[in-house]
Amino acid sequence: MPEISRDEVAHLADLARIDLSDAELDHLAPQLAKILESVASISAAVSDDVPATSHPIPLTNVFREDVVTPGLTAEEALAMAPATDQQRFSVPRILGDEQ
């Protein structure tokens, strides 16, 4: 089991700018050692004959085909607008002159 000392935990906490009490340091040292042990066991399971994967199940593109379709003309888009100005939607001003 990888060992991590209380002083090493205190040093890491100092680097991370985390203020830990003596009780917290005593409590965290064994927990961090357990985390290091878990990481070491995973690293030991890695072998060269198993390819690295980003996802365990192969993914396929679920998006539709990118097909160009005709869109609305400016007149069609503005047909139901309450107000227009030079082929644009006209909306009430919401900002004053304080810009």
PDB file of N, CA and C in Angstrom:
ATOM      1  N   MET A   1       0.849  -1.181   0.000  1.00  0.00           N
ATOM      2  CA  MET A   1       0.000   0.000   0.000  1.00  0.00           C
ATOM      3  C   MET A   1       0.894   1.243   0.000  1.00  0.00           C
ATOM      4  N   PRO A   2       0.681   2.162  -0.963  1.00  0.00           N
ATOM      5  CA  PRO A   2       1.494   3.383  -0.971  1.00  0.00           C
ATOM      6  C   PRO A   2       1.263   4.186   0.299  1.00  0.00           C
ATOM      7  N   GLU A   3       2.327   4.651   0.835  1.00  0.00           N
ATOM      8  CA  GLU A   3       2.233   5.430   2.074  1.00  0.00           C
ATOM      9  C   GLU A   3       2.332   6.914   1.756  1.00  0.00           C
ATOM     10  N   ILE A   4       1.560   7.700   2.449  1.00  0.00           N
ATOM     11  CA  ILE A   4       1.665   9.145   2.370  1.00  0.00           C
ATOM     12  C   ILE A   4       1.661   9.650   3.804  1.00  0.00           C
ATOM     13  N   SER A   5       2.662  10.391   4.122  1.00  0.00           N
ATOM     14  CA  SER A   5       2.816  10.837   5.512  1.00  0.00           C
ATOM     15  C   SER A   5       1.949  12.054   5.800  1.00  0.00           C
ATOM     16  N   ARG A   6       1.794  12.286   7.077  1.00  0.00           N
ATOM     17  CA  ARG A   6       1.040  13.449   7.526  1.00  0.00           C
ATOM     18  C   ARG A   6       1.713  14.724   7.047  1.00  0.00           C
ATOM     19  N   ASP A   7       3.060  14.738   7.044  1.00  0.00           N
ATOM     20  CA  ASP A   7       3.808  15.913   6.575  1.00  0.00           C
ATOM     21  C   ASP A   7       3.587  16.142   5.079  1.00  0.00           C
ATOM     22  N   GLU A   8       3.482  15.053   4.308  1.00  0.00           N
ATOM     23  CA  GLU A   8       3.222  15.199   2.869  1.00  0.00           C
ATOM     24  C   GLU A   8       1.818  15.754   2.628  1.00  0.00           C
ATOM     25  N   VAL A   9       0.859  15.307   3.426  1.00  0.00           N
ATOM     26  CA  VAL A   9      -0.503  15.839   3.321  1.00  0.00           C
ATOM     27  C   VAL A   9      -0.502  17.324   3.673  1.00  0.00           C
ATOM     28  N   ALA A  10       0.224  17.694   4.710  1.00  0.00           N
ATOM     29  CA  ALA A  10       0.315  19.098   5.111  1.00  0.00           C
ATOM     30  C   ALA A  10       0.961  19.923   3.994  1.00  0.00           C
ATOM     31  N   HIS A  11       1.991  19.367   3.350  1.00  0.00           N
ATOM     32  CA  HIS A  11       2.655  20.069   2.251  1.00  0.00           C
ATOM     33  C   HIS A  11       1.694  20.247   1.064  1.00  0.00           C
ATOM     34  N   LEU A  12       0.944  19.198   0.712  1.00  0.00           N
ATOM     35  CA  LEU A  12      -0.034  19.304  -0.376  1.00  0.00           C
ATOM     36  C   LEU A  12      -1.116  20.325  -0.041  1.00  0.00           C
ATOM     37  N   ALA A  13      -1.586  20.319   1.191  1.00  0.00           N
ATOM     38  CA  ALA A  13      -2.597  21.286   1.616  1.00  0.00           C
ATOM     39  C   ALA A  13      -2.053  22.699   1.524  1.00  0.00           C
ATOM     40  N   ASP A  14      -0.794  22.870   1.876  1.00  0.00           N
ATOM     41  CA  ASP A  14      -0.168  24.190   1.799  1.00  0.00           C
ATOM     42  C   ASP A  14      -0.065  24.646   0.342  1.00  0.00           C
ATOM     43  N   LEU A  15       0.307  23.732  -0.555  1.00  0.00           N
ATOM     44  CA  LEU A  15       0.403  24.075  -1.968  1.00  0.00           C
ATOM     45  C   LEU A  15      -0.970  24.459  -2.536  1.00  0.00           C
ATOM     46  N   ALA A  16      -2.012  23.776  -2.066  1.00  0.00           N
ATOM     47  CA  ALA A  16      -3.371  24.054  -2.521  1.00  0.00           C
ATOM     48  C   ALA A  16      -4.007  25.203  -1.752  1.00  0.00           C
ATOM     49  N   ARG A  17      -3.271  25.759  -0.823  1.00  0.00           N
ATOM     50  CA  ARG A  17      -3.741  26.852   0.028  1.00  0.00           C
ATOM     51  C   ARG A  17      -5.007  26.461   0.799  1.00  0.00           C
ATOM     52  N   ILE A  18      -4.953  25.242   1.351  1.00  0.00           N
ATOM     53  CA  ILE A  18      -6.047  24.735   2.178  1.00  0.00           C
ATOM     54  C   ILE A  18      -5.542  24.660   3.610  1.00  0.00           C
ATOM     55  N   ASP A  19      -6.254  25.304   4.504  1.00  0.00           N
ATOM     56  CA  ASP A  19      -5.867  25.306   5.915  1.00  0.00           C
ATOM     57  C   ASP A  19      -6.518  24.107   6.598  1.00  0.00           C
ATOM     58  N   LEU A  20      -5.704  23.139   7.015  1.00  0.00           N
ATOM     59  CA  LEU A  20      -6.212  21.933   7.662  1.00  0.00           C
ATOM     60  C   LEU A  20      -5.755  21.878   9.114  1.00  0.00           C
ATOM     61  N   SER A  21      -6.639  21.408   9.976  1.00  0.00           N
ATOM     62  CA  SER A  21      -6.280  21.233  11.386  1.00  0.00           C
ATOM     63  C   SER A  21      -5.468  19.947  11.532  1.00  0.00           C
ATOM     64  N   ASP A  22      -4.888  19.745  12.707  1.00  0.00           N
ATOM     65  CA  ASP A  22      -4.124  18.526  12.977  1.00  0.00           C
ATOM     66  C   ASP A  22      -5.012  17.286  12.852  1.00  0.00           C
ATOM     67  N   ALA A  23      -6.239  17.380  13.324  1.00  0.00           N
ATOM     68  CA  ALA A  23      -7.166  16.245  13.237  1.00  0.00           C
ATOM     69  C   ALA A  23      -7.481  15.924  11.778  1.00  0.00           C
ATOM     70  N   GLU A  24      -7.656  16.962  10.960  1.00  0.00           N
ATOM     71  CA  GLU A  24      -7.946  16.741   9.543  1.00  0.00           C
ATOM     72  C   GLU A  24      -6.753  16.112   8.829  1.00  0.00           C
ATOM     73  N   LEU A  25      -5.546  16.534   9.174  1.00  0.00           N
ATOM     74  CA  LEU A  25      -4.348  15.943   8.582  1.00  0.00           C
ATOM     75  C   LEU A  25      -4.242  14.467   8.938  1.00  0.00           C
ATOM     76  N   ASP A  26      -4.499  14.147  10.197  1.00  0.00           N
ATOM     77  CA  ASP A  26      -4.449  12.753  10.632  1.00  0.00           C
ATOM     78  C   ASP A  26      -5.526  11.911   9.939  1.00  0.00           C
ATOM     79  N   HIS A  27      -6.658  12.516   9.687  1.00  0.00           N
ATOM     80  CA  HIS A  27      -7.768  11.817   9.049  1.00  0.00           C
ATOM     81  C   HIS A  27      -7.529  11.627   7.541  1.00  0.00           C
ATOM     82  N   LEU A  28      -6.934  12.628   6.882  1.00  0.00           N
ATOM     83  CA  LEU A  28      -6.768  12.585   5.439  1.00  0.00           C
ATOM     84  C   LEU A  28      -5.618  11.703   4.957  1.00  0.00           C
ATOM     85  N   ALA A  29      -4.570  11.572   5.746  1.00  0.00           N
ATOM     86  CA  ALA A  29      -3.400  10.791   5.311  1.00  0.00           C
ATOM     87  C   ALA A  29      -3.776   9.358   4.933  1.00  0.00           C
ATOM     88  N   PRO A  30      -4.520   8.608   5.755  1.00  0.00           N
ATOM     89  CA  PRO A  30      -4.897   7.252   5.348  1.00  0.00           C
ATOM     90  C   PRO A  30      -5.850   7.239   4.146  1.00  0.00           C
ATOM     91  N   GLN A  31      -6.717   8.230   4.049  1.00  0.00           N
ATOM     92  CA  GLN A  31      -7.636   8.281   2.917  1.00  0.00           C
ATOM     93  C   GLN A  31      -6.881   8.499   1.605  1.00  0.00           C
ATOM     94  N   LEU A  32      -5.912   9.410   1.616  1.00  0.00           N
ATOM     95  CA  LEU A  32      -5.107   9.643   0.417  1.00  0.00           C
ATOM     96  C   LEU A  32      -4.275   8.417   0.066  1.00  0.00           C
ATOM     97  N   ALA A  33      -3.792   7.698   1.074  1.00  0.00           N
ATOM     98  CA  ALA A  33      -3.049   6.461   0.814  1.00  0.00           C
ATOM     99  C   ALA A  33      -3.958   5.439   0.128  1.00  0.00           C
ATOM    100  N   LYS A  34      -5.216   5.359   0.539  1.00  0.00           N
ATOM    101  CA  LYS A  34      -6.169   4.437  -0.078  1.00  0.00           C
ATOM    102  C   LYS A  34      -6.441   4.831  -1.531  1.00  0.00           C
ATOM    103  N   ILE A  35      -6.540   6.119  -1.797  1.00  0.00           N
ATOM    104  CA  ILE A  35      -6.741   6.598  -3.168  1.00  0.00           C
ATOM    105  C   ILE A  35      -5.536   6.223  -4.029  1.00  0.00           C
ATOM    106  N   LEU A  36      -4.343   6.426  -3.506  1.00  0.00           N
ATOM    107  CA  LEU A  36      -3.130   6.070  -4.256  1.00  0.00           C
ATOM    108  C   LEU A  36      -3.076   4.571  -4.529  1.00  0.00           C
ATOM    109  N   GLU A  37      -3.516   3.780  -3.569  1.00  0.00           N
ATOM    110  CA  GLU A  37      -3.555   2.327  -3.751  1.00  0.00           C
ATOM    111  C   GLU A  37      -4.528   1.950  -4.867  1.00  0.00           C
ATOM    112  N   SER A  38      -5.677   2.595  -4.901  1.00  0.00           N
ATOM    113  CA  SER A  38      -6.667   2.314  -5.942  1.00  0.00           C
ATOM    114  C   SER A  38      -6.138   2.684  -7.322  1.00  0.00           C
ATOM    115  N   VAL A  39      -5.487   3.815  -7.430  1.00  0.00           N
ATOM    116  CA  VAL A  39      -4.908   4.236  -8.709  1.00  0.00           C
ATOM    117  C   VAL A  39      -3.820   3.260  -9.136  1.00  0.00           C
ATOM    118  N   ALA A  40      -3.012   2.800  -8.203  1.00  0.00           N
ATOM    119  CA  ALA A  40      -1.951   1.843  -8.525  1.00  0.00           C
ATOM    120  C   ALA A  40      -2.538   0.527  -9.016  1.00  0.00           C
ATOM    121  N   SER A  41      -3.645   0.082  -8.424  1.00  0.00           N
ATOM    122  CA  SER A  41      -4.247  -1.184  -8.863  1.00  0.00           C
ATOM    123  C   SER A  41      -4.829  -1.056 -10.267  1.00  0.00           C
ATOM    124  N   ILE A  42      -5.372   0.103 -10.600  1.00  0.00           N
ATOM    125  CA  ILE A  42      -5.884   0.323 -11.953  1.00  0.00           C
ATOM    126  C   ILE A  42      -4.728   0.372 -12.942  1.00  0.00           C
ATOM    127  N   SER A  43      -3.650   1.025 -12.575  1.00  0.00           N
ATOM    128  CA  SER A  43      -2.481   1.103 -13.449  1.00  0.00           C
ATOM    129  C   SER A  43      -1.893  -0.274 -13.687  1.00  0.00           C
ATOM    130  N   ALA A  44      -1.952  -1.150 -12.703  1.00  0.00           N
ATOM    131  CA  ALA A  44      -1.414  -2.497 -12.851  1.00  0.00           C
ATOM    132  C   ALA A  44      -2.271  -3.332 -13.797  1.00  0.00           C
ATOM    133  N   ALA A  45      -3.552  -3.004 -13.926  1.00  0.00           N
ATOM    134  CA  ALA A  45      -4.446  -3.765 -14.794  1.00  0.00           C
ATOM    135  C   ALA A  45      -4.252  -3.428 -16.268  1.00  0.00           C
ATOM    136  N   VAL A  46      -3.625  -2.315 -16.569  1.00  0.00           N
ATOM    137  CA  VAL A  46      -3.411  -1.896 -17.950  1.00  0.00           C
ATOM    138  C   VAL A  46      -2.366  -2.795 -18.591  1.00  0.00           C
ATOM    139  N   SER A  47      -2.674  -3.277 -19.805  1.00  0.00           N
ATOM    140  CA  SER A  47      -1.697  -4.081 -20.529  1.00  0.00           C
ATOM    141  C   SER A  47      -1.585  -3.561 -21.955  1.00  0.00           C
ATOM    142  N   ASP A  48      -0.520  -3.924 -22.626  1.00  0.00           N
ATOM    143  CA  ASP A  48      -0.261  -3.412 -23.966  1.00  0.00           C
ATOM    144  C   ASP A  48      -1.192  -4.013 -25.014  1.00  0.00           C
ATOM    145  N   ASP A  49      -1.778  -5.183 -24.751  1.00  0.00           N
ATOM    146  CA  ASP A  49      -2.627  -5.815 -25.761  1.00  0.00           C
ATOM    147  C   ASP A  49      -4.073  -5.322 -25.730  1.00  0.00           C
ATOM    148  N   VAL A  50      -4.411  -4.438 -24.790  1.00  0.00           N
ATOM    149  CA  VAL A  50      -5.754  -3.874 -24.719  1.00  0.00           C
ATOM    150  C   VAL A  50      -5.684  -2.433 -25.222  1.00  0.00           C
ATOM    151  N   PRO A  51      -6.390  -2.127 -26.321  1.00  0.00           N
ATOM    152  CA  PRO A  51      -6.312  -0.759 -26.849  1.00  0.00           C
ATOM    153  C   PRO A  51      -7.015   0.240 -25.928  1.00  0.00           C
ATOM    154  N   ALA A  52      -6.486   1.428 -25.894  1.00  0.00           N
ATOM    155  CA  ALA A  52      -7.101   2.486 -25.096  1.00  0.00           C
ATOM    156  C   ALA A  52      -8.415   2.892 -25.740  1.00  0.00           C
ATOM    157  N   THR A  53      -9.409   3.159 -24.927  1.00  0.00           N
ATOM    158  CA  THR A  53     -10.709   3.568 -25.456  1.00  0.00           C
ATOM    159  C   THR A  53     -11.200   4.796 -24.714  1.00  0.00           C
ATOM    160  N   SER A  54     -11.996   5.584 -25.413  1.00  0.00           N
ATOM    161  CA  SER A  54     -12.631   6.721 -24.749  1.00  0.00           C
ATOM    162  C   SER A  54     -14.045   6.367 -24.328  1.00  0.00           C
ATOM    163  N   HIS A  55     -14.569   5.266 -24.906  1.00  0.00           N
ATOM    164  CA  HIS A  55     -15.927   4.835 -24.587  1.00  0.00           C
ATOM    165  C   HIS A  55     -15.999   3.321 -24.792  1.00  0.00           C
ATOM    166  N   PRO A  56     -16.602   2.588 -23.874  1.00  0.00           N
ATOM    167  CA  PRO A  56     -16.613   1.127 -23.989  1.00  0.00           C
ATOM    168  C   PRO A  56     -17.474   0.587 -25.124  1.00  0.00           C
ATOM    169  N   ILE A  57     -18.455   1.370 -25.579  1.00  0.00           N
ATOM    170  CA  ILE A  57     -19.347   0.927 -26.641  1.00  0.00           C
ATOM    171  C   ILE A  57     -19.112   1.810 -27.856  1.00  0.00           C
ATOM    172  N   PRO A  58     -18.923   1.226 -29.035  1.00  0.00           N
ATOM    173  CA  PRO A  58     -18.712   2.064 -30.219  1.00  0.00           C
ATOM    174  C   PRO A  58     -19.911   2.981 -30.465  1.00  0.00           C
ATOM    175  N   LEU A  59     -19.625   4.221 -30.768  1.00  0.00           N
ATOM    176  CA  LEU A  59     -20.678   5.190 -31.012  1.00  0.00           C
ATOM    177  C   LEU A  59     -20.794   5.480 -32.498  1.00  0.00           C
ATOM    178  N   THR A  60     -22.005   5.722 -32.942  1.00  0.00           N
ATOM    179  CA  THR A  60     -22.217   6.128 -34.325  1.00  0.00           C
ATOM    180  C   THR A  60     -22.928   7.472 -34.323  1.00  0.00           C
ATOM    181  N   ASN A  61     -22.775   8.185 -35.414  1.00  0.00           N
ATOM    182  CA  ASN A  61     -23.389   9.496 -35.533  1.00  0.00           C
ATOM    183  C   ASN A  61     -24.906   9.331 -35.621  1.00  0.00           C
ATOM    184  N   VAL A  62     -25.632   9.965 -34.724  1.00  0.00           N
ATOM    185  CA  VAL A  62     -27.081   9.844 -34.706  1.00  0.00           C
ATOM    186  C   VAL A  62     -27.757  11.076 -35.307  1.00  0.00           C
ATOM    187  N   PHE A  63     -26.984  11.962 -35.883  1.00  0.00           N
ATOM    188  CA  PHE A  63     -27.535  13.173 -36.469  1.00  0.00           C
ATOM    189  C   PHE A  63     -28.072  12.898 -37.867  1.00  0.00           C
ATOM    190  N   ARG A  64     -28.992  13.715 -38.312  1.00  0.00           N
ATOM    191  CA  ARG A  64     -29.546  13.583 -39.648  1.00  0.00           C
ATOM    192  C   ARG A  64     -28.506  14.043 -40.669  1.00  0.00           C
ATOM    193  N   GLU A  65     -28.736  13.677 -41.907  1.00  0.00           N
ATOM    194  CA  GLU A  65     -27.864  14.136 -42.972  1.00  0.00           C
ATOM    195  C   GLU A  65     -27.987  15.655 -43.100  1.00  0.00           C
ATOM    196  N   ASP A  66     -26.905  16.304 -43.431  1.00  0.00           N
ATOM    197  CA  ASP A  66     -26.897  17.744 -43.607  1.00  0.00           C
ATOM    198  C   ASP A  66     -27.305  18.053 -45.044  1.00  0.00           C
ATOM    199  N   VAL A  67     -28.608  18.245 -45.231  1.00  0.00           N
ATOM    200  CA  VAL A  67     -29.155  18.469 -46.561  1.00  0.00           C
ATOM    201  C   VAL A  67     -29.681  19.892 -46.637  1.00  0.00           C
ATOM    202  N   VAL A  68     -29.321  20.593 -47.705  1.00  0.00           N
ATOM    203  CA  VAL A  68     -29.790  21.960 -47.895  1.00  0.00           C
ATOM    204  C   VAL A  68     -31.250  21.915 -48.312  1.00  0.00           C
ATOM    205  N   THR A  69     -32.087  22.674 -47.596  1.00  0.00           N
ATOM    206  CA  THR A  69     -33.503  22.780 -47.945  1.00  0.00           C
ATOM    207  C   THR A  69     -33.832  24.254 -48.114  1.00  0.00           C
ATOM    208  N   PRO A  70     -34.808  24.557 -48.927  1.00  0.00           N
ATOM    209  CA  PRO A  70     -35.131  25.970 -49.124  1.00  0.00           C
ATOM    210  C   PRO A  70     -35.677  26.586 -47.837  1.00  0.00           C
ATOM    211  N   GLY A  71     -35.288  27.824 -47.585  1.00  0.00           N
ATOM    212  CA  GLY A  71     -35.757  28.537 -46.406  1.00  0.00           C
ATOM    213  C   GLY A  71     -36.795  29.573 -46.799  1.00  0.00           C
ATOM    214  N   LEU A  72     -37.166  30.375 -45.848  1.00  0.00           N
ATOM    215  CA  LEU A  72     -38.147  31.425 -46.105  1.00  0.00           C
ATOM    216  C   LEU A  72     -37.481  32.603 -46.800  1.00  0.00           C
ATOM    217  N   THR A  73     -38.224  33.265 -47.638  1.00  0.00           N
ATOM    218  CA  THR A  73     -37.741  34.525 -48.191  1.00  0.00           C
ATOM    219  C   THR A  73     -37.921  35.586 -47.119  1.00  0.00           C
ATOM    220  N   ALA A  74     -37.318  36.739 -47.292  1.00  0.00           N
ATOM    221  CA  ALA A  74     -37.462  37.826 -46.325  1.00  0.00           C
ATOM    222  C   ALA A  74     -38.926  38.230 -46.204  1.00  0.00           C
ATOM    223  N   GLU A  75     -39.632  38.264 -47.309  1.00  0.00           N
ATOM    224  CA  GLU A  75     -41.039  38.653 -47.280  1.00  0.00           C
ATOM    225  C   GLU A  75     -41.872  37.634 -46.509  1.00  0.00           C
ATOM    226  N   GLU A  76     -41.600  36.345 -46.696  1.00  0.00           N
ATOM    227  CA  GLU A  76     -42.342  35.304 -45.979  1.00  0.00           C
ATOM    228  C   GLU A  76     -42.059  35.356 -44.481  1.00  0.00           C
ATOM    229  N   ALA A  77     -40.802  35.602 -44.121  1.00  0.00           N
ATOM    230  CA  ALA A  77     -40.437  35.651 -42.702  1.00  0.00           C
ATOM    231  C   ALA A  77     -41.075  36.845 -42.008  1.00  0.00           C
ATOM    232  N   LEU A  78     -41.211  37.953 -42.711  1.00  0.00           N
ATOM    233  CA  LEU A  78     -41.741  39.176 -42.113  1.00  0.00           C
ATOM    234  C   LEU A  78     -43.244  39.332 -42.299  1.00  0.00           C
ATOM    235  N   ALA A  79     -43.884  38.402 -42.978  1.00  0.00           N
ATOM    236  CA  ALA A  79     -45.295  38.543 -43.321  1.00  0.00           C
ATOM    237  C   ALA A  79     -46.191  38.732 -42.103  1.00  0.00           C
ATOM    238  N   MET A  80     -45.951  38.035 -40.998  1.00  0.00           N
ATOM    239  CA  MET A  80     -46.815  38.126 -39.824  1.00  0.00           C
ATOM    240  C   MET A  80     -46.251  39.048 -38.736  1.00  0.00           C
ATOM    241  N   ALA A  81     -45.167  39.744 -39.028  1.00  0.00           N
ATOM    242  CA  ALA A  81     -44.567  40.631 -38.032  1.00  0.00           C
ATOM    243  C   ALA A  81     -45.451  41.846 -37.815  1.00  0.00           C
ATOM    244  N   PRO A  82     -45.598  42.315 -36.571  1.00  0.00           N
ATOM    245  CA  PRO A  82     -46.433  43.483 -36.318  1.00  0.00           C
ATOM    246  C   PRO A  82     -45.848  44.761 -36.922  1.00  0.00           C
ATOM    247  N   ALA A  83     -44.514  44.822 -37.044  1.00  0.00           N
ATOM    248  CA  ALA A  83     -43.886  46.012 -37.627  1.00  0.00           C
ATOM    249  C   ALA A  83     -42.566  45.605 -38.268  1.00  0.00           C
ATOM    250  N   THR A  84     -42.272  46.212 -39.403  1.00  0.00           N
ATOM    251  CA  THR A  84     -41.004  45.943 -40.098  1.00  0.00           C
ATOM    252  C   THR A  84     -40.375  47.252 -40.517  1.00  0.00           C
ATOM    253  N   ASP A  85     -39.079  47.198 -40.767  1.00  0.00           N
ATOM    254  CA  ASP A  85     -38.346  48.374 -41.236  1.00  0.00           C
ATOM    255  C   ASP A  85     -37.201  47.899 -42.109  1.00  0.00           C
ATOM    256  N   GLN A  86     -37.228  48.190 -43.393  1.00  0.00           N
ATOM    257  CA  GLN A  86     -36.185  47.827 -44.353  1.00  0.00           C
ATOM    258  C   GLN A  86     -35.856  46.336 -44.293  1.00  0.00           C
ATOM    259  N   GLN A  87     -36.866  45.503 -44.418  1.00  0.00           N
ATOM    260  CA  GLN A  87     -36.756  44.037 -44.399  1.00  0.00           C
ATOM    261  C   GLN A  87     -36.165  43.495 -43.102  1.00  0.00           C
ATOM    262  N   ARG A  88     -36.481  44.148 -41.975  1.00  0.00           N
ATOM    263  CA  ARG A  88     -36.072  43.687 -40.649  1.00  0.00           C
ATOM    264  C   ARG A  88     -37.253  43.803 -39.707  1.00  0.00           C
ATOM    265  N   PHE A  89     -37.236  43.008 -38.632  1.00  0.00           N
ATOM    266  CA  PHE A  89     -38.241  43.136 -37.597  1.00  0.00           C
ATOM    267  C   PHE A  89     -38.025  44.462 -36.885  1.00  0.00           C
ATOM    268  N   SER A  90     -39.087  45.184 -36.628  1.00  0.00           N
ATOM    269  CA  SER A  90     -38.993  46.433 -35.891  1.00  0.00           C
ATOM    270  C   SER A  90     -39.507  46.176 -34.480  1.00  0.00           C
ATOM    271  N   VAL A  91     -38.670  46.476 -33.495  1.00  0.00           N
ATOM    272  CA  VAL A  91     -39.036  46.237 -32.103  1.00  0.00           C
ATOM    273  C   VAL A  91     -38.861  47.520 -31.312  1.00  0.00           C
ATOM    274  N   PRO A  92     -39.563  47.640 -30.177  1.00  0.00           N
ATOM    275  CA  PRO A  92     -39.415  48.848 -29.367  1.00  0.00           C
ATOM    276  C   PRO A  92     -37.989  48.974 -28.815  1.00  0.00           C
ATOM    277  N   ARG A  93     -37.522  50.171 -28.729  1.00  0.00           N
ATOM    278  CA  ARG A  93     -36.192  50.431 -28.174  1.00  0.00           C
ATOM    279  C   ARG A  93     -36.222  50.144 -26.671  1.00  0.00           C
ATOM    280  N   ILE A  94     -35.211  49.405 -26.179  1.00  0.00           N
ATOM    281  CA  ILE A  94     -35.182  49.086 -24.746  1.00  0.00           C
ATOM    282  C   ILE A  94     -34.035  49.769 -24.028  1.00  0.00           C
ATOM    283  N   LEU A  95     -33.097  50.315 -24.767  1.00  0.00           N
ATOM    284  CA  LEU A  95     -31.988  51.033 -24.164  1.00  0.00           C
ATOM    285  C   LEU A  95     -32.138  52.521 -24.451  1.00  0.00           C
ATOM    286  N   GLY A  96     -31.780  53.307 -23.474  1.00  0.00           N
ATOM    287  CA  GLY A  96     -31.852  54.759 -23.663  1.00  0.00           C
ATOM    288  C   GLY A  96     -30.609  55.272 -24.366  1.00  0.00           C
ATOM    289  N   ASP A  97     -30.415  56.551 -24.283  1.00  0.00           N
ATOM    290  CA  ASP A  97     -29.263  57.188 -24.912  1.00  0.00           C
ATOM    291  C   ASP A  97     -28.016  57.154 -24.040  1.00  0.00           C
ATOM    292  N   GLU A  98     -28.020  56.419 -22.930  1.00  0.00           N
ATOM    293  CA  GLU A  98     -26.886  56.394 -21.997  1.00  0.00           C
ATOM    294  C   GLU A  98     -25.735  55.519 -22.481  1.00  0.00           C
ATOM    295  N   GLN A  99     -25.719  55.097 -23.700  1.00  0.00           N
ATOM    296  CA  GLN A  99     -24.662  54.212 -24.192  1.00  0.00           C
ATOM    297  C   GLN A  99     -23.369  54.905 -24.269  1.00  0.00           C
TER     298      GLN A  99
END
